[in-house]
């Protein structure tokens, strides 16, 4: 029986769309492509999620691969990218639905240190029964150890947990760790049917 619902953050709780800040801060389309490739898809992004770099420190590494004329726009994207983090439509209602039915709720997110700046604007951390952020423990999904860490930290039984993530690889890893789960594709009604 499911007793705990575990949420990924990006594109489950909050919409993550780097194109929002790229369109806002970068004038030319070809420059947006450069910054998207080097910042959001570069190694520094993963290092931030691992807690090895802050958002501000990401700029230093990426700036070495980006033309100097773009450094101003790159800096805005590196520091202010969180403007794209808006609640997924229907998520607050779904969280209320889950809580009202007695499930405990948790967040398991790959995120950098800035999580603690923008996430509380969406929902206070103490609204959740527990939170594990990758930068704090230097592990990222789909590393199976991060799921086991969450289970151990909060004394949860894997078979009593349901995990929602927008990335199939992360859900598969959760299942390998013994959790139930499904890929979230924007349909909270589908999730209601799966958790029971």
N, C-alpha and C. Protein backbone atom coordinates (compact mmCIF):
# COMPACT_ATOMS: atom_id res chain seq x y z
N UNK A 1 0.83 -1.19 0.00
CA UNK A 1 0.00 0.00 0.00
C UNK A 1 0.88 1.26 0.00
N UNK A 2 0.53 2.21 -0.86
CA UNK A 2 1.29 3.46 -0.94
C UNK A 2 0.95 4.35 0.25
N UNK A 3 2.00 4.82 0.92
CA UNK A 3 1.84 5.75 2.05
C UNK A 3 2.57 7.07 1.83
N UNK A 4 3.51 7.06 0.89
CA UNK A 4 4.37 8.23 0.67
C UNK A 4 4.45 8.56 -0.82
N UNK A 5 4.30 9.83 -1.15
CA UNK A 5 4.45 10.27 -2.54
C UNK A 5 5.67 11.17 -2.60
N UNK A 6 6.59 10.81 -3.49
CA UNK A 6 7.86 11.53 -3.61
C UNK A 6 7.88 12.25 -4.96
N UNK A 7 8.13 13.54 -4.90
CA UNK A 7 8.07 14.39 -6.08
C UNK A 7 9.46 14.82 -6.53
N UNK A 8 9.74 14.64 -7.81
CA UNK A 8 10.82 15.39 -8.44
C UNK A 8 10.36 16.86 -8.45
N UNK A 9 11.30 17.77 -8.60
CA UNK A 9 10.90 19.18 -8.64
C UNK A 9 10.69 19.67 -10.07
N UNK A 10 11.74 19.62 -10.90
CA UNK A 10 11.69 20.20 -12.23
C UNK A 10 10.67 19.53 -13.13
N UNK A 11 9.72 20.31 -13.61
CA UNK A 11 8.65 19.86 -14.51
C UNK A 11 7.68 18.88 -13.87
N UNK A 12 7.71 18.83 -12.54
CA UNK A 12 6.69 18.11 -11.78
C UNK A 12 6.04 19.10 -10.79
N UNK A 13 6.86 19.74 -9.99
CA UNK A 13 6.37 20.79 -9.09
C UNK A 13 6.51 22.18 -9.72
N UNK A 14 7.70 22.44 -10.26
CA UNK A 14 7.98 23.73 -10.90
C UNK A 14 8.43 23.51 -12.33
N UNK A 15 7.91 24.33 -13.24
CA UNK A 15 8.32 24.24 -14.65
C UNK A 15 9.76 24.70 -14.79
N UNK A 16 10.58 23.87 -15.41
CA UNK A 16 11.97 24.23 -15.68
C UNK A 16 12.12 24.41 -17.18
N UNK A 17 12.30 25.65 -17.63
CA UNK A 17 12.41 25.94 -19.06
C UNK A 17 13.44 27.04 -19.27
N UNK A 18 14.70 26.67 -19.52
CA UNK A 18 15.75 27.67 -19.71
C UNK A 18 15.46 28.66 -20.83
N UNK A 19 14.63 28.26 -21.79
CA UNK A 19 14.33 29.17 -22.90
C UNK A 19 13.65 30.44 -22.42
N UNK A 20 12.99 30.37 -21.27
CA UNK A 20 12.33 31.57 -20.72
C UNK A 20 13.37 32.66 -20.46
N UNK A 21 14.44 32.33 -19.75
CA UNK A 21 15.44 33.36 -19.46
C UNK A 21 16.29 33.66 -20.69
N UNK A 22 16.52 32.67 -21.54
CA UNK A 22 17.28 32.94 -22.77
C UNK A 22 16.56 33.97 -23.63
N UNK A 23 15.25 33.82 -23.78
CA UNK A 23 14.48 34.79 -24.58
C UNK A 23 14.48 36.17 -23.93
N UNK A 24 14.49 36.19 -22.62
CA UNK A 24 14.42 37.47 -21.91
C UNK A 24 15.76 38.20 -21.90
N UNK A 25 16.85 37.46 -21.72
CA UNK A 25 18.15 38.08 -21.50
C UNK A 25 19.07 38.11 -22.71
N UNK A 26 18.80 37.28 -23.74
CA UNK A 26 19.73 37.15 -24.87
C UNK A 26 19.01 37.59 -26.15
N UNK A 27 19.58 38.57 -26.82
CA UNK A 27 18.90 39.22 -27.94
C UNK A 27 18.81 38.34 -29.19
N UNK A 28 19.92 37.70 -29.57
CA UNK A 28 19.96 36.98 -30.85
C UNK A 28 19.80 35.47 -30.66
N UNK A 29 19.08 34.86 -31.60
CA UNK A 29 18.80 33.42 -31.53
C UNK A 29 20.09 32.60 -31.53
N UNK A 30 21.05 32.96 -32.37
CA UNK A 30 22.30 32.17 -32.43
C UNK A 30 23.07 32.28 -31.12
N UNK A 31 22.98 33.42 -30.45
CA UNK A 31 23.64 33.58 -29.15
C UNK A 31 22.91 32.77 -28.08
N UNK A 32 21.59 32.69 -28.18
CA UNK A 32 20.82 31.85 -27.24
C UNK A 32 21.28 30.40 -27.34
N UNK A 33 21.52 29.94 -28.56
CA UNK A 33 21.96 28.55 -28.76
C UNK A 33 23.32 28.30 -28.10
N UNK A 34 24.21 29.27 -28.22
CA UNK A 34 25.55 29.13 -27.61
C UNK A 34 25.42 29.03 -26.09
N UNK A 35 24.67 29.96 -25.50
CA UNK A 35 24.55 29.98 -24.04
C UNK A 35 23.78 28.76 -23.53
N UNK A 36 22.77 28.34 -24.27
CA UNK A 36 22.03 27.15 -23.86
C UNK A 36 22.95 25.93 -23.83
N UNK A 37 23.75 25.78 -24.89
CA UNK A 37 24.65 24.63 -24.98
C UNK A 37 25.70 24.66 -23.87
N UNK A 38 26.33 25.82 -23.68
CA UNK A 38 27.46 25.88 -22.77
C UNK A 38 27.06 26.00 -21.30
N UNK A 39 25.94 26.68 -21.01
CA UNK A 39 25.52 26.85 -19.62
C UNK A 39 24.58 25.74 -19.18
N UNK A 40 23.44 25.65 -19.82
CA UNK A 40 22.40 24.73 -19.34
C UNK A 40 22.70 23.27 -19.68
N UNK A 41 23.47 23.04 -20.73
CA UNK A 41 23.83 21.66 -21.09
C UNK A 41 25.31 21.37 -20.86
N UNK A 42 26.02 22.30 -20.20
CA UNK A 42 27.45 22.13 -19.96
C UNK A 42 27.72 21.37 -18.67
N UNK A 43 28.97 21.03 -18.48
CA UNK A 43 29.36 20.23 -17.30
C UNK A 43 29.15 20.99 -16.00
N UNK A 44 29.23 22.32 -16.04
CA UNK A 44 29.06 23.10 -14.82
C UNK A 44 27.65 22.97 -14.25
N UNK A 45 26.67 22.74 -15.12
CA UNK A 45 25.30 22.59 -14.63
C UNK A 45 25.21 21.35 -13.74
N UNK A 46 25.78 20.25 -14.23
CA UNK A 46 25.79 19.02 -13.44
C UNK A 46 26.61 19.19 -12.16
N UNK A 47 27.69 19.94 -12.23
CA UNK A 47 28.52 20.17 -11.05
C UNK A 47 27.77 21.00 -10.01
N UNK A 48 26.92 21.90 -10.46
CA UNK A 48 26.07 22.65 -9.53
C UNK A 48 25.10 21.74 -8.82
N UNK A 49 24.48 20.83 -9.58
CA UNK A 49 23.54 19.88 -8.97
C UNK A 49 24.24 18.95 -7.99
N UNK A 50 25.51 18.70 -8.23
CA UNK A 50 26.29 17.86 -7.31
C UNK A 50 26.82 18.64 -6.10
N UNK A 51 26.56 19.94 -6.08
CA UNK A 51 27.02 20.76 -4.96
C UNK A 51 28.48 21.13 -5.04
N UNK A 52 29.07 21.02 -6.23
CA UNK A 52 30.48 21.35 -6.39
C UNK A 52 30.69 22.80 -6.81
N UNK A 53 29.64 23.44 -7.34
CA UNK A 53 29.69 24.83 -7.76
C UNK A 53 28.40 25.53 -7.34
N UNK A 54 28.49 26.82 -7.02
CA UNK A 54 27.28 27.62 -6.84
C UNK A 54 26.85 28.14 -8.21
N UNK A 55 25.65 28.71 -8.29
CA UNK A 55 25.19 29.29 -9.55
C UNK A 55 26.16 30.37 -10.04
N UNK A 56 26.67 31.17 -9.11
CA UNK A 56 27.60 32.23 -9.48
C UNK A 56 28.91 31.66 -10.02
N UNK A 57 29.37 30.56 -9.42
CA UNK A 57 30.64 29.96 -9.86
C UNK A 57 30.50 29.28 -11.22
N UNK A 58 29.30 28.89 -11.59
CA UNK A 58 29.11 28.29 -12.91
C UNK A 58 29.58 29.24 -14.01
N UNK A 59 29.31 30.52 -13.81
CA UNK A 59 29.65 31.51 -14.83
C UNK A 59 31.14 31.47 -15.17
N UNK A 60 31.98 31.30 -14.16
CA UNK A 60 33.43 31.37 -14.38
C UNK A 60 33.89 30.33 -15.40
N UNK A 61 33.46 29.09 -15.23
CA UNK A 61 33.86 28.05 -16.15
C UNK A 61 33.26 28.22 -17.53
N UNK A 62 31.98 28.51 -17.57
CA UNK A 62 31.28 28.64 -18.85
C UNK A 62 31.83 29.83 -19.63
N UNK A 63 32.17 30.91 -18.96
CA UNK A 63 32.62 32.13 -19.65
C UNK A 63 33.88 31.89 -20.47
N UNK A 64 34.66 30.87 -20.10
CA UNK A 64 35.88 30.57 -20.86
C UNK A 64 35.57 29.94 -22.21
N UNK A 65 34.33 29.46 -22.37
CA UNK A 65 33.96 28.82 -23.64
C UNK A 65 33.00 29.68 -24.48
N UNK A 66 32.66 30.84 -23.95
CA UNK A 66 31.68 31.71 -24.60
C UNK A 66 32.37 33.01 -24.99
N UNK A 67 32.10 33.52 -26.21
CA UNK A 67 32.73 34.79 -26.63
C UNK A 67 32.51 35.90 -25.59
N UNK A 68 33.52 36.73 -25.41
CA UNK A 68 33.46 37.77 -24.39
C UNK A 68 32.28 38.72 -24.59
N UNK A 69 31.88 38.93 -25.85
CA UNK A 69 30.75 39.83 -26.13
C UNK A 69 29.45 39.33 -25.49
N UNK A 70 29.40 38.05 -25.13
CA UNK A 70 28.19 37.47 -24.55
C UNK A 70 28.25 37.37 -23.02
N UNK A 71 29.33 37.81 -22.42
CA UNK A 71 29.50 37.60 -20.98
C UNK A 71 28.42 38.27 -20.14
N UNK A 72 27.96 39.43 -20.56
CA UNK A 72 26.89 40.11 -19.82
C UNK A 72 25.60 39.30 -19.84
N UNK A 73 25.24 38.84 -21.03
CA UNK A 73 24.01 38.04 -21.16
C UNK A 73 24.17 36.69 -20.46
N UNK A 74 25.35 36.11 -20.59
CA UNK A 74 25.62 34.84 -19.92
C UNK A 74 25.49 34.98 -18.41
N UNK A 75 26.02 36.08 -17.86
CA UNK A 75 25.96 36.29 -16.41
C UNK A 75 24.51 36.37 -15.95
N UNK A 76 23.67 37.09 -16.69
CA UNK A 76 22.26 37.19 -16.33
C UNK A 76 21.61 35.81 -16.30
N UNK A 77 21.90 35.00 -17.33
CA UNK A 77 21.32 33.65 -17.40
C UNK A 77 21.84 32.76 -16.28
N UNK A 78 23.12 32.90 -15.96
CA UNK A 78 23.73 32.04 -14.94
C UNK A 78 23.19 32.34 -13.55
N UNK A 79 22.89 33.62 -13.29
CA UNK A 79 22.48 34.03 -11.95
C UNK A 79 20.96 34.08 -11.81
N UNK A 80 20.28 34.53 -12.87
CA UNK A 80 18.83 34.78 -12.77
C UNK A 80 17.98 33.76 -13.52
N UNK A 81 18.54 32.59 -13.84
CA UNK A 81 17.79 31.58 -14.58
C UNK A 81 16.54 31.13 -13.84
N UNK A 82 16.50 31.32 -12.53
CA UNK A 82 15.39 30.79 -11.73
C UNK A 82 14.07 31.50 -12.00
N UNK A 83 14.09 32.57 -12.78
CA UNK A 83 12.82 33.22 -13.13
C UNK A 83 11.90 32.28 -13.89
N UNK A 84 12.47 31.22 -14.47
CA UNK A 84 11.64 30.28 -15.23
C UNK A 84 10.92 29.28 -14.33
N UNK A 85 11.26 29.25 -13.05
CA UNK A 85 10.72 28.24 -12.14
C UNK A 85 9.35 28.65 -11.61
N UNK A 86 8.33 28.34 -12.36
CA UNK A 86 6.94 28.67 -11.99
C UNK A 86 6.18 27.37 -11.70
N UNK A 87 5.17 27.42 -10.82
CA UNK A 87 4.42 26.21 -10.50
C UNK A 87 3.81 25.55 -11.74
N UNK A 88 3.93 24.25 -11.82
CA UNK A 88 3.26 23.48 -12.88
C UNK A 88 1.75 23.64 -12.68
N UNK A 89 1.01 23.91 -13.75
CA UNK A 89 -0.45 24.07 -13.59
C UNK A 89 -1.10 22.87 -12.90
N UNK A 90 -1.87 23.16 -11.86
CA UNK A 90 -2.58 22.12 -11.14
C UNK A 90 -1.83 21.47 -10.00
N UNK A 91 -0.55 21.86 -9.82
CA UNK A 91 0.27 21.15 -8.83
C UNK A 91 -0.17 21.43 -7.39
N UNK A 92 -0.55 22.65 -7.09
CA UNK A 92 -0.94 22.96 -5.70
C UNK A 92 -2.21 22.21 -5.32
N UNK A 93 -3.12 22.10 -6.26
CA UNK A 93 -4.34 21.33 -6.00
C UNK A 93 -4.02 19.85 -5.80
N UNK A 94 -3.08 19.35 -6.59
CA UNK A 94 -2.70 17.94 -6.46
C UNK A 94 -2.02 17.69 -5.12
N UNK A 95 -1.15 18.60 -4.69
CA UNK A 95 -0.50 18.44 -3.39
C UNK A 95 -1.55 18.42 -2.27
N UNK A 96 -2.54 19.30 -2.37
CA UNK A 96 -3.61 19.30 -1.36
C UNK A 96 -4.38 17.99 -1.39
N UNK A 97 -4.66 17.50 -2.58
CA UNK A 97 -5.38 16.23 -2.74
C UNK A 97 -4.62 15.10 -2.05
N UNK A 98 -3.33 15.04 -2.28
CA UNK A 98 -2.50 13.97 -1.73
C UNK A 98 -2.44 14.08 -0.20
N UNK A 99 -2.22 15.29 0.30
CA UNK A 99 -2.13 15.48 1.75
C UNK A 99 -3.46 15.16 2.45
N UNK A 100 -4.55 15.58 1.83
CA UNK A 100 -5.86 15.36 2.45
C UNK A 100 -6.18 13.87 2.58
N UNK A 101 -5.57 13.06 1.73
CA UNK A 101 -5.81 11.62 1.79
C UNK A 101 -4.82 10.91 2.70
N UNK A 102 -4.00 11.68 3.40
CA UNK A 102 -3.15 11.10 4.43
C UNK A 102 -1.78 10.62 3.98
N UNK A 103 -1.45 10.85 2.72
CA UNK A 103 -0.11 10.48 2.27
C UNK A 103 0.91 11.47 2.82
N UNK A 104 2.10 10.97 3.12
CA UNK A 104 3.22 11.86 3.41
C UNK A 104 3.83 12.25 2.07
N UNK A 105 4.36 13.47 2.01
CA UNK A 105 4.91 13.95 0.74
C UNK A 105 6.35 14.40 0.92
N UNK A 106 7.16 14.10 -0.09
CA UNK A 106 8.59 14.37 -0.06
C UNK A 106 9.04 14.96 -1.40
N UNK A 107 10.15 15.69 -1.36
CA UNK A 107 10.78 16.21 -2.57
C UNK A 107 12.14 15.54 -2.71
N UNK A 108 12.43 15.05 -3.92
CA UNK A 108 13.74 14.49 -4.25
C UNK A 108 14.18 15.14 -5.54
N UNK A 109 15.13 16.07 -5.43
CA UNK A 109 15.46 16.91 -6.59
C UNK A 109 16.95 16.98 -6.87
N UNK A 110 17.27 16.93 -8.16
CA UNK A 110 18.60 17.34 -8.61
C UNK A 110 18.56 18.86 -8.71
N UNK A 111 19.29 19.55 -7.86
CA UNK A 111 19.26 21.02 -7.88
C UNK A 111 20.51 21.58 -7.22
N UNK A 112 20.84 22.80 -7.60
CA UNK A 112 21.98 23.50 -7.02
C UNK A 112 21.55 24.24 -5.75
N UNK A 113 22.48 24.95 -5.17
CA UNK A 113 22.23 25.65 -3.91
C UNK A 113 21.10 26.68 -3.99
N UNK A 114 20.81 27.19 -5.17
CA UNK A 114 19.77 28.21 -5.29
C UNK A 114 18.37 27.65 -5.05
N UNK A 115 18.25 26.33 -4.98
CA UNK A 115 16.97 25.70 -4.62
C UNK A 115 16.37 26.38 -3.39
N UNK A 116 17.21 26.67 -2.41
CA UNK A 116 16.73 27.21 -1.14
C UNK A 116 16.32 28.69 -1.24
N UNK A 117 16.65 29.31 -2.37
CA UNK A 117 16.21 30.69 -2.61
C UNK A 117 14.84 30.73 -3.30
N UNK A 118 14.68 29.92 -4.36
CA UNK A 118 13.44 30.03 -5.13
C UNK A 118 12.34 29.07 -4.68
N UNK A 119 12.69 27.90 -4.15
CA UNK A 119 11.65 26.92 -3.84
C UNK A 119 10.67 27.40 -2.77
N UNK A 120 11.14 28.04 -1.69
CA UNK A 120 10.18 28.50 -0.67
C UNK A 120 9.17 29.52 -1.17
N UNK A 121 9.46 30.19 -2.30
CA UNK A 121 8.47 31.08 -2.90
C UNK A 121 7.28 30.29 -3.44
N UNK A 122 7.54 29.04 -3.80
CA UNK A 122 6.49 28.15 -4.29
C UNK A 122 5.72 27.53 -3.12
N UNK A 123 6.45 26.99 -2.17
CA UNK A 123 5.84 26.29 -1.03
C UNK A 123 6.87 26.23 0.10
N UNK A 124 6.47 26.51 1.33
CA UNK A 124 7.44 26.38 2.44
C UNK A 124 7.97 24.95 2.53
N UNK A 125 9.24 24.82 2.85
CA UNK A 125 9.83 23.48 2.93
C UNK A 125 9.11 22.62 3.96
N UNK A 126 8.62 23.24 5.04
CA UNK A 126 7.96 22.43 6.07
C UNK A 126 6.54 21.98 5.67
N UNK A 127 6.09 22.37 4.49
CA UNK A 127 4.85 21.83 3.94
C UNK A 127 5.04 20.35 3.62
N UNK A 128 6.28 19.99 3.31
CA UNK A 128 6.63 18.61 2.95
C UNK A 128 7.13 17.87 4.19
N UNK A 129 7.00 16.56 4.15
CA UNK A 129 7.47 15.73 5.26
C UNK A 129 8.97 15.51 5.20
N UNK A 130 9.58 15.85 4.08
CA UNK A 130 11.02 15.72 3.94
C UNK A 130 11.47 16.17 2.57
N UNK A 131 12.72 16.58 2.50
CA UNK A 131 13.30 17.07 1.25
C UNK A 131 14.74 16.59 1.15
N UNK A 132 15.09 16.07 -0.03
CA UNK A 132 16.48 15.72 -0.33
C UNK A 132 16.86 16.45 -1.61
N UNK A 133 17.90 17.30 -1.50
CA UNK A 133 18.39 18.06 -2.64
C UNK A 133 19.80 17.58 -2.96
N UNK A 134 20.04 17.27 -4.21
CA UNK A 134 21.29 16.63 -4.62
C UNK A 134 22.54 17.39 -4.20
N UNK A 135 22.48 18.73 -4.27
CA UNK A 135 23.69 19.51 -3.95
C UNK A 135 24.15 19.31 -2.52
N UNK A 136 23.23 18.94 -1.63
CA UNK A 136 23.58 18.76 -0.22
C UNK A 136 24.31 17.45 0.06
N UNK A 137 24.09 16.47 -0.81
CA UNK A 137 24.65 15.14 -0.53
C UNK A 137 25.57 14.63 -1.63
N UNK A 138 25.80 15.47 -2.65
CA UNK A 138 26.75 15.17 -3.72
C UNK A 138 26.40 13.88 -4.47
N UNK A 139 25.11 13.68 -4.66
CA UNK A 139 24.61 12.57 -5.48
C UNK A 139 23.46 13.10 -6.31
N UNK A 140 23.32 12.61 -7.54
CA UNK A 140 22.22 13.03 -8.40
C UNK A 140 21.47 11.83 -8.94
N UNK A 141 20.18 12.01 -9.16
CA UNK A 141 19.42 10.98 -9.88
C UNK A 141 20.00 10.87 -11.30
N UNK A 142 20.07 9.71 -11.88
CA UNK A 142 19.48 8.43 -11.43
C UNK A 142 20.40 7.53 -10.62
N UNK A 143 21.38 8.07 -9.94
CA UNK A 143 22.23 7.26 -9.05
C UNK A 143 21.32 6.60 -8.00
N UNK A 144 21.32 5.29 -7.96
CA UNK A 144 20.41 4.56 -7.07
C UNK A 144 20.64 4.91 -5.60
N UNK A 145 21.83 5.37 -5.28
CA UNK A 145 22.14 5.70 -3.89
C UNK A 145 21.30 6.86 -3.35
N UNK A 146 20.87 7.76 -4.24
CA UNK A 146 20.12 8.92 -3.75
C UNK A 146 18.72 8.51 -3.28
N UNK A 147 18.15 7.49 -3.92
CA UNK A 147 16.84 6.99 -3.49
C UNK A 147 16.98 6.27 -2.15
N UNK A 148 18.03 5.49 -2.03
CA UNK A 148 18.27 4.77 -0.78
C UNK A 148 18.55 5.75 0.36
N UNK A 149 19.23 6.85 0.04
CA UNK A 149 19.50 7.87 1.03
C UNK A 149 18.19 8.45 1.57
N UNK A 150 17.28 8.79 0.68
CA UNK A 150 15.99 9.35 1.09
C UNK A 150 15.23 8.36 1.97
N UNK A 151 15.21 7.09 1.55
CA UNK A 151 14.50 6.07 2.34
C UNK A 151 15.08 5.96 3.75
N UNK A 152 16.41 5.93 3.82
CA UNK A 152 17.06 5.78 5.12
C UNK A 152 16.89 7.02 5.98
N UNK A 153 17.02 8.18 5.37
CA UNK A 153 16.92 9.43 6.13
C UNK A 153 15.57 9.57 6.82
N UNK A 154 14.51 9.17 6.12
CA UNK A 154 13.16 9.37 6.66
C UNK A 154 12.49 8.08 7.14
N UNK A 155 13.25 6.98 7.15
CA UNK A 155 12.73 5.72 7.67
C UNK A 155 11.55 5.19 6.86
N UNK A 156 11.65 5.29 5.54
CA UNK A 156 10.56 4.87 4.65
C UNK A 156 10.81 3.47 4.11
N UNK A 157 9.73 2.75 3.87
CA UNK A 157 9.80 1.46 3.19
C UNK A 157 9.60 1.70 1.70
N UNK A 158 10.51 1.18 0.89
CA UNK A 158 10.48 1.45 -0.55
C UNK A 158 9.14 1.09 -1.18
N UNK A 159 8.60 -0.06 -0.77
CA UNK A 159 7.35 -0.54 -1.38
C UNK A 159 6.15 0.32 -1.03
N UNK A 160 6.30 1.20 -0.04
CA UNK A 160 5.21 2.10 0.36
C UNK A 160 5.34 3.49 -0.27
N UNK A 161 6.32 3.62 -1.18
CA UNK A 161 6.59 4.92 -1.81
C UNK A 161 6.24 4.92 -3.28
N UNK A 162 5.71 6.05 -3.73
CA UNK A 162 5.42 6.28 -5.14
C UNK A 162 6.19 7.52 -5.57
N UNK A 163 7.01 7.37 -6.62
CA UNK A 163 7.90 8.44 -7.07
C UNK A 163 7.45 8.97 -8.43
N UNK A 164 7.34 10.29 -8.54
CA UNK A 164 6.96 10.96 -9.78
C UNK A 164 8.13 11.80 -10.30
N UNK A 165 8.50 11.59 -11.56
CA UNK A 165 9.59 12.35 -12.18
C UNK A 165 9.25 12.48 -13.66
N UNK A 166 9.70 13.55 -14.28
CA UNK A 166 9.43 13.73 -15.70
C UNK A 166 10.43 12.98 -16.58
N UNK A 167 11.47 12.40 -15.98
CA UNK A 167 12.48 11.69 -16.76
C UNK A 167 12.42 10.19 -16.48
N UNK A 168 12.27 9.43 -17.56
CA UNK A 168 12.10 7.98 -17.43
C UNK A 168 13.28 7.32 -16.73
N UNK A 169 14.50 7.77 -17.00
CA UNK A 169 15.68 7.15 -16.38
C UNK A 169 15.64 7.28 -14.86
N UNK A 170 15.11 8.38 -14.37
CA UNK A 170 15.02 8.58 -12.92
C UNK A 170 13.97 7.69 -12.29
N UNK A 171 12.88 7.48 -13.01
CA UNK A 171 11.82 6.58 -12.50
C UNK A 171 12.32 5.14 -12.52
N UNK A 172 13.02 4.76 -13.56
CA UNK A 172 13.55 3.39 -13.64
C UNK A 172 14.52 3.12 -12.49
N UNK A 173 15.36 4.09 -12.18
CA UNK A 173 16.31 3.92 -11.07
C UNK A 173 15.56 3.79 -9.74
N UNK A 174 14.50 4.57 -9.58
CA UNK A 174 13.69 4.47 -8.36
C UNK A 174 13.10 3.07 -8.23
N UNK A 175 12.64 2.53 -9.33
CA UNK A 175 12.07 1.17 -9.31
C UNK A 175 13.14 0.14 -8.97
N UNK A 176 14.36 0.36 -9.46
CA UNK A 176 15.47 -0.54 -9.11
C UNK A 176 15.72 -0.50 -7.60
N UNK A 177 15.47 0.67 -7.00
CA UNK A 177 15.65 0.81 -5.55
C UNK A 177 14.45 0.28 -4.77
N UNK A 178 13.45 -0.23 -5.48
CA UNK A 178 12.30 -0.85 -4.83
C UNK A 178 11.06 0.02 -4.72
N UNK A 179 11.14 1.28 -5.20
CA UNK A 179 9.99 2.16 -5.12
C UNK A 179 9.02 1.89 -6.27
N UNK A 180 7.77 2.27 -6.08
CA UNK A 180 6.83 2.34 -7.17
C UNK A 180 7.02 3.70 -7.84
N UNK A 181 6.53 3.85 -9.06
CA UNK A 181 6.70 5.16 -9.67
C UNK A 181 6.17 5.21 -11.08
N UNK A 182 6.12 6.42 -11.61
CA UNK A 182 5.66 6.65 -12.98
C UNK A 182 6.25 7.94 -13.51
N UNK A 183 6.39 7.98 -14.82
CA UNK A 183 6.85 9.20 -15.49
C UNK A 183 5.69 10.18 -15.54
N UNK A 184 5.94 11.40 -15.06
CA UNK A 184 4.90 12.43 -15.06
C UNK A 184 4.95 13.19 -16.38
N UNK A 185 3.80 13.23 -17.07
CA UNK A 185 3.72 13.89 -18.37
C UNK A 185 2.74 15.05 -18.34
N UNK A 186 2.53 15.60 -17.15
CA UNK A 186 1.67 16.77 -17.04
C UNK A 186 0.25 16.48 -16.64
N UNK A 187 -0.08 15.21 -16.39
CA UNK A 187 -1.46 14.82 -16.10
C UNK A 187 -1.59 14.35 -14.64
N UNK A 188 -2.04 15.24 -13.79
CA UNK A 188 -2.18 14.88 -12.38
C UNK A 188 -3.33 13.89 -12.16
N UNK A 189 -4.32 13.91 -13.02
CA UNK A 189 -5.43 12.94 -12.90
C UNK A 189 -4.89 11.52 -13.08
N UNK A 190 -3.96 11.35 -14.02
CA UNK A 190 -3.34 10.03 -14.21
C UNK A 190 -2.61 9.61 -12.94
N UNK A 191 -1.91 10.54 -12.30
CA UNK A 191 -1.18 10.22 -11.08
C UNK A 191 -2.13 9.82 -9.96
N UNK A 192 -3.27 10.48 -9.87
CA UNK A 192 -4.27 10.11 -8.84
C UNK A 192 -4.66 8.66 -9.00
N UNK A 193 -4.86 8.24 -10.23
CA UNK A 193 -5.25 6.86 -10.49
C UNK A 193 -4.17 5.86 -10.14
N UNK A 194 -2.91 6.28 -10.24
CA UNK A 194 -1.81 5.36 -9.98
C UNK A 194 -1.48 5.22 -8.49
N UNK A 195 -1.67 6.30 -7.74
CA UNK A 195 -1.34 6.19 -6.31
C UNK A 195 -2.50 5.61 -5.50
N UNK A 196 -3.70 5.66 -6.06
CA UNK A 196 -4.85 5.06 -5.39
C UNK A 196 -5.54 6.01 -4.44
